Amino acid sequence: MGRLEGGLKGRTGHPPVGRPARAAISPRPRGRGLGLLAALALMLAAPGIAQAEQMQSVAYAIDYPSTDSRLNAGAKVTSTVRVWDTTGAKPLALRHLRLPFPRGGRVNGGLFKTCDMEELEHEGEEACPKGSKVGTGKATADARPVVTVPVDAKLTLFNGEPAGGNPTILIYGEVDLGTYSELAVTVRAVARKQRKGPYGYVLDIEIPPLSTLPGQPPAALTFARVTTLDRTARRRGRTRHYIEAPLLCTGTFFMLDGAQFTYEGGRTVDARETFTIGRTIPCP
């Protein structure tokens, strides 16, 4: 799956090297001049002055398990978000995601049972009614210096209660710390319906600080991948799906501008999303 990444740059550039004035050049033995040039070359190549660059990407793969009609195709959407630093350093902590979706799709959250966010936070998955689960996935975080290896989490998606008439998704993450302990975090994503413009929905996701130990910096999300389920409900003699989208042919690929990643400290970076359609109907 192709993707196009956006960049958040923090550069340590070199001062411009101009041609020195002739009066500044003094005669030196030839060997010492070559040694000076070699030392300068080594300094320019030293890893300590490598350019640090934080990167991010977001990509979607869309499959159609149900194709009742071309106007009512049930869609499963796999969303993949990645954040990394090109030098291998711990990236900035992600605080907010703004993810737009093209017109034509529909989220039918109102047709399915919902889970209460407060109950989910206090009681875990068991608090959510059967039928409110709408997806699964996994995530990875960088918790250095507390933990030197990546920390993995299991993600479960639930249909949340509407917010201002907009569908919501509750993302419940669990980190297993051994036999007697686990950590959990709940994130709410609001799918805001757009009345005009190029987008059908804009998904707003506020990400709380991923706390580690007292006095230590929070963990930074580096990877998340979730896949929605093709939940169905019967309404007025029709089968309706949790997510419905126009049926596109196999291998269709397109890009959409407008995604935004906001990091700790308020730094916001624009990114381009990629969409790839899985196996459906042959393209003409």
C-alpha atoms as a PDB file:
ATOM      1  CA  MET A   1       0.000   0.000   0.000  1.00  0.00           C
ATOM      2  CA  GLY A   2       1.472   3.284  -0.989  1.00  0.00           C
ATOM      3  CA  ARG A   3       1.517   6.190   1.315  1.00  0.00           C
ATOM      4  CA  LEU A   4       2.757   9.717   1.374  1.00  0.00           C
ATOM      5  CA  GLU A   5       4.247  10.986   4.591  1.00  0.00           C
ATOM      6  CA  GLY A   6       4.227  14.510   5.956  1.00  0.00           C
ATOM      7  CA  GLY A   7       7.246  15.868   7.803  1.00  0.00           C
ATOM      8  CA  LEU A   8       7.734  17.807  11.027  1.00  0.00           C
ATOM      9  CA  LYS A   9      11.275  19.100  10.902  1.00  0.00           C
ATOM     10  CA  GLY A  10      13.708  20.212  13.528  1.00  0.00           C
ATOM     11  CA  ARG A  11      16.921  20.883  11.659  1.00  0.00           C
ATOM     12  CA  THR A  12      20.397  21.629  12.878  1.00  0.00           C
ATOM     13  CA  GLY A  13      21.795  23.066   9.669  1.00  0.00           C
ATOM     14  CA  HIS A  14      25.360  24.015   8.877  1.00  0.00           C
ATOM     15  CA  PRO A  15      26.373  27.655   8.495  1.00  0.00           C
ATOM     16  CA  PRO A  16      26.723  28.674   4.858  1.00  0.00           C
ATOM     17  CA  VAL A  17      30.237  28.265   3.589  1.00  0.00           C
ATOM     18  CA  GLY A  18      31.228  31.183   1.413  1.00  0.00           C
ATOM     19  CA  ARG A  19      34.446  31.751  -0.549  1.00  0.00           C
ATOM     20  CA  PRO A  20      37.034  33.322   1.796  1.00  0.00           C
ATOM     21  CA  ALA A  21      38.687  36.611   0.844  1.00  0.00           C
ATOM     22  CA  ARG A  22      42.160  36.222  -0.622  1.00  0.00           C
ATOM     23  CA  ALA A  23      43.697  38.251   2.211  1.00  0.00           C
ATOM     24  CA  ALA A  24      42.470  35.561   4.657  1.00  0.00           C
ATOM     25  CA  ILE A  25      44.456  32.815   2.949  1.00  0.00           C
ATOM     26  CA  SER A  26      47.916  32.324   4.309  1.00  0.00           C
ATOM     27  CA  PRO A  27      50.516  29.954   2.911  1.00  0.00           C
ATOM     28  CA  ARG A  28      50.505  26.536   4.664  1.00  0.00           C
ATOM     29  CA  PRO A  29      52.389  23.352   4.044  1.00  0.00           C
ATOM     30  CA  ARG A  30      50.530  21.168   1.542  1.00  0.00           C
ATOM     31  CA  GLY A  31      50.181  18.216   3.897  1.00  0.00           C
ATOM     32  CA  ARG A  32      48.581  20.282   6.655  1.00  0.00           C
ATOM     33  CA  GLY A  33      46.051  21.720   4.182  1.00  0.00           C
ATOM     34  CA  LEU A  34      44.964  18.220   3.128  1.00  0.00           C
ATOM     35  CA  GLY A  35      44.690  17.204   6.783  1.00  0.00           C
ATOM     36  CA  LEU A  36      42.449  20.187   7.500  1.00  0.00           C
ATOM     37  CA  LEU A  37      40.160  19.300   4.589  1.00  0.00           C
ATOM     38  CA  ALA A  38      39.942  15.710   5.773  1.00  0.00           C
ATOM     39  CA  ALA A  39      39.054  16.819   9.300  1.00  0.00           C
ATOM     40  CA  LEU A  40      36.361  19.134   7.928  1.00  0.00           C
ATOM     41  CA  ALA A  41      34.895  16.279   5.871  1.00  0.00           C
ATOM     42  CA  LEU A  42      34.755  14.054   8.950  1.00  0.00           C
ATOM     43  CA  MET A  43      33.014  16.790  10.939  1.00  0.00           C
ATOM     44  CA  LEU A  44      30.383  17.228   8.230  1.00  0.00           C
ATOM     45  CA  ALA A  45      29.742  13.480   8.193  1.00  0.00           C
ATOM     46  CA  ALA A  46      29.616  13.092  11.983  1.00  0.00           C
ATOM     47  CA  PRO A  47      26.389  11.478  13.229  1.00  0.00           C
ATOM     48  CA  GLY A  48      26.128  14.016  16.033  1.00  0.00           C
ATOM     49  CA  ILE A  49      24.955  16.679  13.571  1.00  0.00           C
ATOM     50  CA  ALA A  50      22.518  14.495  11.616  1.00  0.00           C
ATOM     51  CA  GLN A  51      19.252  16.179  10.723  1.00  0.00           C
ATOM     52  CA  ALA A  52      16.387  15.080  12.980  1.00  0.00           C
ATOM     53  CA  GLU A  53      13.049  14.784  11.248  1.00  0.00           C
ATOM     54  CA  GLN A  54       9.741  13.597  12.674  1.00  0.00           C
ATOM     55  CA  MET A  55       7.492  11.884  10.167  1.00  0.00           C
ATOM     56  CA  GLN A  56       3.882  10.757  10.105  1.00  0.00           C
ATOM     57  CA  SER A  57       1.598   8.860   7.738  1.00  0.00           C
ATOM     58  CA  VAL A  58      -2.027   7.752   7.546  1.00  0.00           C
ATOM     59  CA  ALA A  59      -3.382   5.134   5.149  1.00  0.00           C
ATOM     60  CA  TYR A  60      -6.702   3.362   4.661  1.00  0.00           C
ATOM     61  CA  ALA A  61      -7.590   0.017   3.090  1.00  0.00           C
ATOM     62  CA  ILE A  62     -11.280  -0.444   2.275  1.00  0.00           C
ATOM     63  CA  ASP A  63     -12.928  -3.825   1.700  1.00  0.00           C
ATOM     64  CA  TYR A  64     -16.546  -4.675   0.914  1.00  0.00           C
ATOM     65  CA  PRO A  65     -17.687  -7.881   2.664  1.00  0.00           C
ATOM     66  CA  SER A  66     -21.284  -7.143   1.586  1.00  0.00           C
ATOM     67  CA  THR A  67     -22.341  -5.730  -1.765  1.00  0.00           C
ATOM     68  CA  ASP A  68     -26.134  -5.520  -1.521  1.00  0.00           C
ATOM     69  CA  SER A  69     -26.095  -2.810  -4.175  1.00  0.00           C
ATOM     70  CA  ARG A  70     -23.658  -0.286  -5.507  1.00  0.00           C
ATOM     71  CA  LEU A  71     -25.296   2.405  -3.400  1.00  0.00           C
ATOM     72  CA  ASN A  72     -25.461   0.359  -0.210  1.00  0.00           C
ATOM     73  CA  ALA A  73     -22.173  -1.537   0.105  1.00  0.00           C
ATOM     74  CA  GLY A  74     -21.098  -2.533   3.599  1.00  0.00           C
ATOM     75  CA  ALA A  75     -17.481  -1.454   4.084  1.00  0.00           C
ATOM     76  CA  LYS A  76     -14.696  -2.574   6.436  1.00  0.00           C
ATOM     77  CA  VAL A  77     -12.105   0.159   6.877  1.00  0.00           C
ATOM     78  CA  THR A  78      -8.568  -0.555   8.077  1.00  0.00           C
ATOM     79  CA  SER A  79      -6.865   2.631   9.274  1.00  0.00           C
ATOM     80  CA  THR A  80      -3.103   2.757   9.861  1.00  0.00           C
ATOM     81  CA  VAL A  81      -1.333   5.679  11.554  1.00  0.00           C
ATOM     82  CA  ARG A  82       2.436   5.839  12.008  1.00  0.00           C
ATOM     83  CA  VAL A  83       4.691   8.390  13.744  1.00  0.00           C
ATOM     84  CA  TRP A  84       8.482   8.131  13.874  1.00  0.00           C
ATOM     85  CA  ASP A  85      11.733  10.063  14.062  1.00  0.00           C
ATOM     86  CA  THR A  86      14.239   9.442  11.284  1.00  0.00           C
ATOM     87  CA  THR A  87      17.166   9.457  13.727  1.00  0.00           C
ATOM     88  CA  GLY A  88      15.651   6.731  15.911  1.00  0.00           C
ATOM     89  CA  ALA A  89      14.952   9.136  18.776  1.00  0.00           C
ATOM     90  CA  LYS A  90      11.668   9.075  20.647  1.00  0.00           C
ATOM     91  CA  PRO A  91       9.107  11.076  18.634  1.00  0.00           C
ATOM     92  CA  LEU A  92       6.942  13.839  20.019  1.00  0.00           C
ATOM     93  CA  ALA A  93       3.781  12.688  21.769  1.00  0.00           C
ATOM     94  CA  LEU A  94       0.667  12.888  19.592  1.00  0.00           C
ATOM     95  CA  ARG A  95      -2.203  14.853  21.131  1.00  0.00           C
ATOM     96  CA  HIS A  96      -4.811  15.249  18.392  1.00  0.00           C
ATOM     97  CA  LEU A  97      -5.688  13.728  15.023  1.00  0.00           C
ATOM     98  CA  ARG A  98      -7.917  15.303  12.404  1.00  0.00           C
ATOM     99  CA  LEU A  99      -8.743  12.756   9.706  1.00  0.00           C
ATOM    100  CA  PRO A 100     -11.071  13.727   6.819  1.00  0.00           C
ATOM    101  CA  PHE A 101     -13.001  11.228   4.686  1.00  0.00           C
ATOM    102  CA  PRO A 102     -14.363  11.772   1.169  1.00  0.00           C
ATOM    103  CA  ARG A 103     -18.026  12.357   0.435  1.00  0.00           C
ATOM    104  CA  GLY A 104     -20.284   9.403  -0.329  1.00  0.00           C
ATOM    105  CA  GLY A 105     -19.761   7.305   2.804  1.00  0.00           C
ATOM    106  CA  ARG A 106     -22.056   7.023   5.806  1.00  0.00           C
ATOM    107  CA  VAL A 107     -21.604   5.998   9.456  1.00  0.00           C
ATOM    108  CA  ASN A 108     -24.843   4.490  10.781  1.00  0.00           C
ATOM    109  CA  GLY A 109     -23.980   4.582  14.466  1.00  0.00           C
ATOM    110  CA  GLY A 110     -27.566   5.436  15.362  1.00  0.00           C
ATOM    111  CA  LEU A 111     -28.760   1.981  14.234  1.00  0.00           C
ATOM    112  CA  PHE A 112     -26.650   0.079  16.758  1.00  0.00           C
ATOM    113  CA  LYS A 113     -26.311  -0.281  20.514  1.00  0.00           C
ATOM    114  CA  THR A 114     -23.972   2.172  22.225  1.00  0.00           C
ATOM    115  CA  CYS A 115     -21.433   1.992  25.034  1.00  0.00           C
ATOM    116  CA  ASP A 116     -21.115   4.629  27.751  1.00  0.00           C
ATOM    117  CA  MET A 117     -17.602   6.093  27.902  1.00  0.00           C
ATOM    118  CA  GLU A 118     -17.564   6.595  31.676  1.00  0.00           C
ATOM    119  CA  GLU A 119     -18.687   3.023  32.315  1.00  0.00           C
ATOM    120  CA  LEU A 120     -16.090   1.724  29.859  1.00  0.00           C
ATOM    121  CA  GLU A 121     -13.338   3.635  31.670  1.00  0.00           C
ATOM    122  CA  HIS A 122     -14.325   2.285  35.090  1.00  0.00           C
ATOM    123  CA  GLU A 123     -15.453  -1.258  34.294  1.00  0.00           C
ATOM    124  CA  GLY A 124     -13.678  -2.189  31.089  1.00  0.00           C
ATOM    125  CA  GLU A 125     -15.098  -3.954  28.027  1.00  0.00           C
ATOM    126  CA  GLU A 126     -17.627  -5.890  30.095  1.00  0.00           C
ATOM    127  CA  ALA A 127     -19.546  -2.626  30.610  1.00  0.00           C
ATOM    128  CA  CYS A 128     -20.421  -2.376  26.912  1.00  0.00           C
ATOM    129  CA  PRO A 129     -23.568  -4.134  25.643  1.00  0.00           C
ATOM    130  CA  LYS A 130     -23.311  -6.934  23.157  1.00  0.00           C
ATOM    131  CA  GLY A 131     -23.594  -5.536  19.668  1.00  0.00           C
ATOM    132  CA  SER A 132     -21.846  -2.238  20.452  1.00  0.00           C
ATOM    133  CA  LYS A 133     -18.418  -3.553  19.459  1.00  0.00           C
ATOM    134  CA  VAL A 134     -17.516  -2.149  16.024  1.00  0.00           C
ATOM    135  CA  GLY A 135     -13.830  -2.920  15.527  1.00  0.00           C
ATOM    136  CA  THR A 136     -10.489  -4.269  16.747  1.00  0.00           C
ATOM    137  CA  GLY A 137      -6.846  -3.382  16.370  1.00  0.00           C
ATOM    138  CA  LYS A 138      -3.460  -2.845  17.981  1.00  0.00           C
ATOM    139  CA  ALA A 139      -1.109   0.003  18.849  1.00  0.00           C
ATOM    140  CA  THR A 140       2.516   0.555  19.823  1.00  0.00           C
ATOM    141  CA  ALA A 141       4.025   3.305  21.977  1.00  0.00           C
ATOM    142  CA  ASP A 142       7.548   4.495  22.746  1.00  0.00           C
ATOM    143  CA  ALA A 143       7.898   4.773  26.536  1.00  0.00           C
ATOM    144  CA  ARG A 144      11.592   5.579  26.752  1.00  0.00           C
ATOM    145  CA  PRO A 145      13.371   6.124  29.124  1.00  0.00           C
ATOM    146  CA  VAL A 146      11.068   4.104  31.404  1.00  0.00           C
ATOM    147  CA  VAL A 147      10.890   1.139  29.020  1.00  0.00           C
ATOM    148  CA  THR A 148      13.506   0.618  26.335  1.00  0.00           C
ATOM    149  CA  VAL A 149      11.422  -1.681  24.115  1.00  0.00           C
ATOM    150  CA  PRO A 150       8.174  -0.784  22.297  1.00  0.00           C
ATOM    151  CA  VAL A 151       5.004  -1.177  24.374  1.00  0.00           C
ATOM    152  CA  ASP A 152       2.120  -2.960  22.602  1.00  0.00           C
ATOM    153  CA  ALA A 153      -1.575  -2.493  23.295  1.00  0.00           C
ATOM    154  CA  LYS A 154      -4.745  -4.270  22.194  1.00  0.00           C
ATOM    155  CA  LEU A 155      -7.452  -1.945  20.841  1.00  0.00           C
ATOM    156  CA  THR A 156     -11.203  -2.514  20.837  1.00  0.00           C
ATOM    157  CA  LEU A 157     -13.666  -0.130  19.180  1.00  0.00           C
ATOM    158  CA  PHE A 158     -17.183   0.487  20.491  1.00  0.00           C
ATOM    159  CA  ASN A 159     -20.070   2.494  19.104  1.00  0.00           C
ATOM    160  CA  GLY A 160     -20.331   5.486  21.422  1.00  0.00           C
ATOM    161  CA  GLU A 161     -23.219   7.762  22.275  1.00  0.00           C
ATOM    162  CA  PRO A 162     -23.717  10.567  19.709  1.00  0.00           C
ATOM    163  CA  ALA A 163     -22.049  13.927  20.311  1.00  0.00           C
ATOM    164  CA  GLY A 164     -24.059  16.829  18.950  1.00  0.00           C
ATOM    165  CA  GLY A 165     -25.813  14.472  16.536  1.00  0.00           C
ATOM    166  CA  ASN A 166     -22.487  13.082  15.280  1.00  0.00           C
ATOM    167  CA  PRO A 167     -21.483   9.401  15.543  1.00  0.00           C
ATOM    168  CA  THR A 168     -18.672   8.597  17.987  1.00  0.00           C
ATOM    169  CA  ILE A 169     -16.251   5.708  18.329  1.00  0.00           C
ATOM    170  CA  LEU A 170     -14.756   4.731  21.684  1.00  0.00           C
ATOM    171  CA  ILE A 171     -11.237   3.324  21.336  1.00  0.00           C
ATOM    172  CA  TYR A 172     -10.346   1.189  24.343  1.00  0.00           C
ATOM    173  CA  GLY A 173      -6.665   0.282  24.695  1.00  0.00           C
ATOM    174  CA  GLU A 174      -5.242  -2.316  27.090  1.00  0.00           C
ATOM    175  CA  VAL A 175      -1.587  -2.943  27.925  1.00  0.00           C
ATOM    176  CA  ASP A 176      -0.896  -6.250  29.673  1.00  0.00           C
ATOM    177  CA  LEU A 177       1.825  -5.779  32.315  1.00  0.00           C
ATOM    178  CA  GLY A 178       1.804  -9.332  33.593  1.00  0.00           C
ATOM    179  CA  THR A 179      -0.338 -11.655  35.673  1.00  0.00           C
ATOM    180  CA  TYR A 180      -1.716  -9.100  38.123  1.00  0.00           C
ATOM    181  CA  SER A 181      -1.576  -5.770  36.357  1.00  0.00           C
ATOM    182  CA  GLU A 182      -2.724  -3.969  33.224  1.00  0.00           C
ATOM    183  CA  LEU A 183      -3.128  -0.410  32.010  1.00  0.00           C
ATOM    184  CA  ALA A 184      -6.124   0.882  30.073  1.00  0.00           C
ATOM    185  CA  VAL A 185      -6.911   4.102  28.251  1.00  0.00           C
ATOM    186  CA  THR A 186     -10.117   5.226  26.512  1.00  0.00           C
ATOM    187  CA  VAL A 187     -10.082   7.645  23.579  1.00  0.00           C
ATOM    188  CA  ARG A 188     -13.190   9.125  21.947  1.00  0.00           C
ATOM    189  CA  ALA A 189     -13.295   9.839  18.226  1.00  0.00           C
ATOM    190  CA  VAL A 190     -16.102  12.053  16.902  1.00  0.00           C
ATOM    191  CA  ALA A 191     -17.116  11.670  13.235  1.00  0.00           C
ATOM    192  CA  ARG A 192     -18.340  15.168  12.406  1.00  0.00           C
ATOM    193  CA  LYS A 193     -20.654  15.248   9.394  1.00  0.00           C
ATOM    194  CA  GLN A 194     -19.689  18.006   6.937  1.00  0.00           C
ATOM    195  CA  ARG A 195     -22.530  19.894   5.235  1.00  0.00           C
ATOM    196  CA  LYS A 196     -20.325  21.416   2.532  1.00  0.00           C
ATOM    197  CA  GLY A 197     -16.809  21.198   1.173  1.00  0.00           C
ATOM    198  CA  PRO A 198     -14.836  18.213  -0.142  1.00  0.00           C
ATOM    199  CA  TYR A 199     -15.264  15.991   2.942  1.00  0.00           C
ATOM    200  CA  GLY A 200     -18.121  13.786   4.041  1.00  0.00           C
ATOM    201  CA  TYR A 201     -16.885  13.332   7.619  1.00  0.00           C
ATOM    202  CA  VAL A 202     -13.970  14.663   9.643  1.00  0.00           C
ATOM    203  CA  LEU A 203     -12.838  12.371  12.457  1.00  0.00           C
ATOM    204  CA  ASP A 204     -11.556  14.300  15.504  1.00  0.00           C
ATOM    205  CA  ILE A 205      -9.525  12.266  17.987  1.00  0.00           C
ATOM    206  CA  GLU A 206      -8.224  13.783  21.221  1.00  0.00           C
ATOM    207  CA  ILE A 207      -5.381  11.672  22.643  1.00  0.00           C
ATOM    208  CA  PRO A 208      -4.738  12.074  26.383  1.00  0.00           C
ATOM    209  CA  PRO A 209      -1.189  11.926  27.806  1.00  0.00           C
ATOM    210  CA  LEU A 210      -0.035   8.298  27.967  1.00  0.00           C
ATOM    211  CA  SER A 211       1.366   8.388  31.502  1.00  0.00           C
ATOM    212  CA  THR A 212       4.256   6.159  32.567  1.00  0.00           C
ATOM    213  CA  LEU A 213       5.863   6.671  35.998  1.00  0.00           C
ATOM    214  CA  PRO A 214       5.636   9.767  38.243  1.00  0.00           C
ATOM    215  CA  GLY A 215       8.197  12.339  37.176  1.00  0.00           C
ATOM    216  CA  GLN A 216       8.818  10.618  33.825  1.00  0.00           C
ATOM    217  CA  PRO A 217       7.700  11.815  30.369  1.00  0.00           C
ATOM    218  CA  PRO A 218       4.582  10.273  28.826  1.00  0.00           C
ATOM    219  CA  ALA A 219       4.801   7.587  26.182  1.00  0.00           C
ATOM    220  CA  ALA A 220       4.515   8.564  22.502  1.00  0.00           C
ATOM    221  CA  LEU A 221       2.205   6.734  20.117  1.00  0.00           C
ATOM    222  CA  THR A 222       4.181   5.375  17.156  1.00  0.00           C
ATOM    223  CA  PHE A 223       1.737   2.970  15.475  1.00  0.00           C
ATOM    224  CA  ALA A 224      -1.984   2.231  15.477  1.00  0.00           C
ATOM    225  CA  ARG A 225      -4.015   0.005  13.176  1.00  0.00           C
ATOM    226  CA  VAL A 226      -7.739  -0.628  13.584  1.00  0.00           C
ATOM    227  CA  THR A 227     -10.294  -2.423  11.398  1.00  0.00           C
ATOM    228  CA  THR A 228     -14.022  -1.815  11.653  1.00  0.00           C
ATOM    229  CA  LEU A 229     -16.487  -4.703  11.676  1.00  0.00           C
ATOM    230  CA  ASP A 230     -19.255  -5.027   9.106  1.00  0.00           C
ATOM    231  CA  ARG A 231     -22.111  -4.802  11.620  1.00  0.00           C
ATOM    232  CA  THR A 232     -25.602  -5.037  10.095  1.00  0.00           C
ATOM    233  CA  ALA A 233     -29.138  -4.144  11.165  1.00  0.00           C
ATOM    234  CA  ARG A 234     -32.515  -4.511   9.460  1.00  0.00           C
ATOM    235  CA  ARG A 235     -34.423  -1.266   8.964  1.00  0.00           C
ATOM    236  CA  ARG A 236     -37.587  -0.910   6.862  1.00  0.00           C
ATOM    237  CA  GLY A 237     -36.960  -4.166   5.070  1.00  0.00           C
ATOM    238  CA  ARG A 238     -33.369  -3.274   4.175  1.00  0.00           C
ATOM    239  CA  THR A 239     -30.025  -4.468   5.496  1.00  0.00           C
ATOM    240  CA  ARG A 240     -28.054  -1.495   6.763  1.00  0.00           C
ATOM    241  CA  HIS A 241     -24.373  -1.532   7.636  1.00  0.00           C
ATOM    242  CA  TYR A 242     -22.365   0.239  10.302  1.00  0.00           C
ATOM    243  CA  ILE A 243     -20.283   1.855   7.534  1.00  0.00           C
ATOM    244  CA  GLU A 244     -21.667   2.193   4.014  1.00  0.00           C
ATOM    245  CA  ALA A 245     -19.767   3.502   1.011  1.00  0.00           C
ATOM    246  CA  PRO A 246     -20.123   3.652  -2.779  1.00  0.00           C
ATOM    247  CA  LEU A 247     -18.744   0.476  -4.345  1.00  0.00           C
ATOM    248  CA  LEU A 248     -15.434   1.134  -6.116  1.00  0.00           C
ATOM    249  CA  CYS A 249     -13.557  -1.303  -8.320  1.00  0.00           C
ATOM    250  CA  THR A 250     -10.622  -3.442  -7.211  1.00  0.00           C
ATOM    251  CA  GLY A 251      -7.293  -1.667  -6.803  1.00  0.00           C
ATOM    252  CA  THR A 252      -8.663   1.877  -6.907  1.00  0.00           C
ATOM    253  CA  PHE A 253      -6.175   4.213  -5.253  1.00  0.00           C
ATOM    254  CA  PHE A 254      -6.580   7.865  -4.397  1.00  0.00           C
ATOM    255  CA  MET A 255      -5.221  10.489  -2.010  1.00  0.00           C
ATOM    256  CA  LEU A 256      -6.870  13.163   0.092  1.00  0.00           C
ATOM    257  CA  ASP A 257      -5.338  16.258   1.657  1.00  0.00           C
ATOM    258  CA  GLY A 258      -6.473  17.719   4.961  1.00  0.00           C
ATOM    259  CA  ALA A 259      -5.226  15.353   7.674  1.00  0.00           C
ATOM    260  CA  GLN A 260      -3.548  17.057  10.645  1.00  0.00           C
ATOM    261  CA  PHE A 261      -1.293  15.708  13.396  1.00  0.00           C
ATOM    262  CA  THR A 262      -0.964  17.876  16.502  1.00  0.00           C
ATOM    263  CA  TYR A 263       1.850  17.101  18.942  1.00  0.00           C
ATOM    264  CA  GLU A 264       2.759  18.071  22.491  1.00  0.00           C
ATOM    265  CA  GLY A 265       3.598  21.749  22.622  1.00  0.00           C
ATOM    266  CA  GLY A 266       0.957  22.543  20.008  1.00  0.00           C
ATOM    267  CA  ARG A 267       2.952  21.792  16.845  1.00  0.00           C
ATOM    268  CA  THR A 268       0.555  20.895  14.014  1.00  0.00           C
ATOM    269  CA  VAL A 269       1.583  19.196  10.773  1.00  0.00           C
ATOM    270  CA  ASP A 270      -0.510  18.666   7.644  1.00  0.00           C
ATOM    271  CA  ALA A 271      -0.488  15.233   6.018  1.00  0.00           C
ATOM    272  CA  ARG A 272      -1.962  13.519   2.976  1.00  0.00           C
ATOM    273  CA  GLU A 273      -4.092  10.395   3.368  1.00  0.00           C
ATOM    274  CA  THR A 274      -4.026   7.423   0.997  1.00  0.00           C
ATOM    275  CA  PHE A 275      -6.975   5.143   0.228  1.00  0.00           C
ATOM    276  CA  THR A 276      -6.704   1.705  -1.388  1.00  0.00           C
ATOM    277  CA  ILE A 277      -9.726  -0.388  -2.391  1.00  0.00           C
ATOM    278  CA  GLY A 278      -9.515  -4.148  -1.848  1.00  0.00           C
ATOM    279  CA  ARG A 279     -10.953  -6.938  -3.982  1.00  0.00           C
ATOM    280  CA  THR A 280     -14.484  -6.088  -5.158  1.00  0.00           C
ATOM    281  CA  ILE A 281     -15.629  -5.736  -8.754  1.00  0.00           C
ATOM    282  CA  PRO A 282     -13.195  -5.607 -11.713  1.00  0.00           C
ATOM    283  CA  CYS A 283     -12.307  -2.186 -13.023  1.00  0.00           C
ATOM    284  CA  PRO A 284     -13.480  -1.539 -16.611  1.00  0.00           C
END
